[in-house]
Amino acid sequence: MSPEFPEFCDFTVLKIMLSAVVTGMIGIYAMKSLGWVQLSPKSGSLGMNVIGGVIFGVGFAVLGYCPGTIAGAIGNGYLDAAVGGLAGILIGAGLFATLYPRLSGGILKKGDFGNLTLPRLLKVKDWFVVFPVAGLILLLLYWMQRTGL
């Protein structure tokens, strides 16, 4: 990795998130298979993902925190999280709530794909997607560990 960009050298958060995705995915679909839960995915759209990604990305880029880590940092007494992070969450949520009536009929509906999931899209049983995706993520995590990332 490049020494000019040390922030691109630590993949700890990526490893944690990928581990959480595998654990959650297997756990949720196991509970679904056992009849313990019923999944009701919310509908989505390209517009929702772009707007959400921009809001999340700007907040993350400005302070380096995601919403969950802001709460943890506030608990640890970090002033930047308490002032900037909390203010950003409140201002961002307020702006989105204010603009939502105008956005909901327009850009948020662009590229609407409903409550589609990968198994529904591919017309296969859930586990035909869960196992290969989990396997790929585990291989990626193994490779990252072996290469020192």
Protein backbone atom coordinates (compact mmCIF):
# COMPACT_ATOMS: atom_id res chain seq x y z
CA MET A 1 0.00 0.00 0.00
CA SER A 2 1.04 3.55 -0.64
CA PRO A 3 2.68 5.47 2.25
CA GLU A 4 1.16 8.70 0.88
CA PHE A 5 -2.29 7.37 1.73
CA PRO A 6 -2.00 5.54 5.08
CA GLU A 7 -5.79 5.52 5.45
CA PHE A 8 -5.88 2.95 2.64
CA CYS A 9 -3.59 0.59 4.56
CA ASP A 10 -5.81 -0.47 7.46
CA PHE A 11 -8.58 -2.84 6.45
CA THR A 12 -9.80 -3.62 9.97
CA VAL A 13 -13.24 -2.05 9.48
CA LEU A 14 -13.70 -3.86 6.16
CA LYS A 15 -12.82 -7.18 7.81
CA ILE A 16 -15.26 -6.53 10.65
CA MET A 17 -18.06 -5.57 8.25
CA LEU A 18 -17.49 -8.57 5.98
CA SER A 19 -17.45 -10.88 9.01
CA ALA A 20 -20.72 -9.32 10.17
CA VAL A 21 -22.27 -9.79 6.72
CA VAL A 22 -21.40 -13.51 6.67
CA THR A 23 -22.58 -14.06 10.25
CA GLY A 24 -25.80 -12.12 9.76
CA MET A 25 -26.60 -13.63 6.38
CA ILE A 26 -26.16 -17.21 7.57
CA GLY A 27 -27.98 -16.52 10.84
CA ILE A 28 -30.97 -14.79 9.25
CA TYR A 29 -31.45 -17.40 6.54
CA ALA A 30 -31.00 -20.24 9.06
CA MET A 31 -33.74 -18.71 11.23
CA LYS A 32 -35.91 -18.26 8.13
CA SER A 33 -35.39 -21.91 7.15
CA LEU A 34 -36.38 -23.00 10.67
CA GLY A 35 -39.53 -20.87 10.48
CA TRP A 36 -38.41 -18.62 13.34
CA VAL A 37 -38.56 -15.42 11.28
CA GLN A 38 -40.30 -14.18 8.19
CA LEU A 39 -38.38 -11.72 6.03
CA SER A 40 -40.14 -8.66 4.65
CA PRO A 41 -37.56 -6.71 2.65
CA LYS A 42 -38.37 -3.05 2.08
CA SER A 43 -38.60 -1.87 -1.48
CA GLY A 44 -35.63 -0.07 -2.87
CA SER A 45 -34.51 1.93 -5.84
CA LEU A 46 -31.37 3.20 -7.44
CA GLY A 47 -32.37 6.74 -6.39
CA MET A 48 -32.71 5.73 -2.72
CA ASN A 49 -29.32 4.03 -2.78
CA VAL A 50 -27.59 6.98 -4.44
CA ILE A 51 -29.09 9.59 -2.09
CA GLY A 52 -28.42 7.43 0.98
CA GLY A 53 -24.89 6.69 -0.19
CA VAL A 54 -24.14 10.36 -0.79
CA ILE A 55 -25.46 11.38 2.64
CA PHE A 56 -23.55 8.57 4.37
CA GLY A 57 -20.41 9.17 2.30
CA VAL A 58 -20.29 12.89 2.95
CA GLY A 59 -20.73 12.35 6.68
CA PHE A 60 -18.09 9.63 6.75
CA ALA A 61 -15.64 11.68 4.65
CA VAL A 62 -16.00 14.82 6.77
CA LEU A 63 -15.55 13.21 10.20
CA GLY A 64 -14.43 9.64 9.58
CA TYR A 65 -17.33 8.19 11.55
CA CYS A 66 -20.36 6.18 10.55
CA PRO A 67 -23.52 6.70 12.64
CA GLY A 68 -22.80 3.77 14.95
CA THR A 69 -19.23 4.77 15.65
CA ILE A 70 -20.35 8.33 16.41
CA ALA A 71 -22.34 6.95 19.34
CA GLY A 72 -19.32 4.98 20.54
CA ALA A 73 -17.00 7.97 20.15
CA ILE A 74 -19.41 10.22 22.05
CA GLY A 75 -19.43 7.61 24.81
CA ASN A 76 -15.63 7.78 24.88
CA GLY A 77 -15.77 11.57 25.18
CA TYR A 78 -14.52 12.56 21.72
CA LEU A 79 -15.48 16.19 21.14
CA ASP A 80 -15.46 15.95 17.33
CA ALA A 81 -18.06 13.18 17.48
CA ALA A 82 -20.16 14.97 20.10
CA VAL A 83 -20.20 18.29 18.27
CA GLY A 84 -19.71 17.50 14.58
CA GLY A 85 -21.12 13.99 14.48
CA LEU A 86 -24.23 14.57 16.53
CA ALA A 87 -24.85 17.91 14.80
CA GLY A 88 -24.41 16.21 11.42
CA ILE A 89 -26.89 13.46 12.28
CA LEU A 90 -29.48 15.94 13.53
CA ILE A 91 -29.03 18.42 10.67
CA GLY A 92 -28.90 15.66 8.04
CA ALA A 93 -31.99 13.93 9.40
CA GLY A 94 -33.83 17.24 9.63
CA LEU A 95 -32.92 18.23 6.07
CA PHE A 96 -33.91 14.84 4.72
CA ALA A 97 -37.23 14.92 6.60
CA THR A 98 -37.90 18.42 5.28
CA LEU A 99 -37.02 17.50 1.68
CA TYR A 100 -38.64 14.04 1.75
CA PRO A 101 -42.05 15.13 0.38
CA ARG A 102 -40.32 16.56 -2.70
CA LEU A 103 -37.86 13.70 -3.06
CA SER A 104 -40.31 10.82 -2.49
CA GLY A 105 -42.20 11.26 -5.74
CA GLY A 106 -39.12 12.01 -7.83
CA ILE A 107 -35.53 10.95 -7.42
CA LEU A 108 -36.18 8.40 -4.67
CA LYS A 109 -38.42 6.41 -7.05
CA LYS A 110 -35.93 6.39 -9.94
CA GLY A 111 -34.86 2.87 -10.80
CA ASP A 112 -37.41 1.26 -8.48
CA PHE A 113 -36.71 -2.45 -8.06
CA GLY A 114 -39.30 -3.20 -5.38
CA ASN A 115 -38.49 -5.70 -2.65
CA LEU A 116 -36.27 -7.79 -4.90
CA THR A 117 -33.58 -9.98 -3.33
CA LEU A 118 -30.80 -11.88 -5.07
CA PRO A 119 -32.52 -15.28 -4.67
CA ARG A 120 -35.75 -13.82 -6.10
CA LEU A 121 -33.86 -12.17 -8.95
CA LEU A 122 -32.07 -15.41 -9.79
CA LYS A 123 -35.22 -17.50 -9.12
CA VAL A 124 -33.35 -19.90 -6.83
CA LYS A 125 -33.66 -21.06 -3.22
CA ASP A 126 -32.02 -18.75 -0.67
CA TRP A 127 -29.16 -21.12 0.16
CA PHE A 128 -28.04 -21.23 -3.50
CA VAL A 129 -27.05 -17.58 -3.01
CA VAL A 130 -26.10 -17.60 0.69
CA PHE A 131 -23.46 -20.35 0.49
CA PRO A 132 -21.54 -19.04 -2.55
CA VAL A 133 -21.63 -15.42 -1.31
CA ALA A 134 -20.51 -16.49 2.18
CA GLY A 135 -17.78 -18.63 0.62
CA LEU A 136 -16.51 -15.76 -1.51
CA ILE A 137 -16.46 -13.40 1.45
CA LEU A 138 -14.62 -15.98 3.59
CA LEU A 139 -12.07 -16.50 0.81
CA LEU A 140 -11.59 -12.73 0.57
CA LEU A 141 -11.11 -12.50 4.35
CA TYR A 142 -8.61 -15.39 4.25
CA TRP A 143 -6.70 -13.75 1.39
CA MET A 144 -6.64 -10.41 3.24
CA GLN A 145 -5.27 -12.12 6.35
CA ARG A 146 -2.62 -14.05 4.38
CA THR A 147 -1.43 -10.95 2.51
CA GLY A 148 -1.29 -8.81 5.63
CA LEU A 149 -4.06 -6.42 4.67
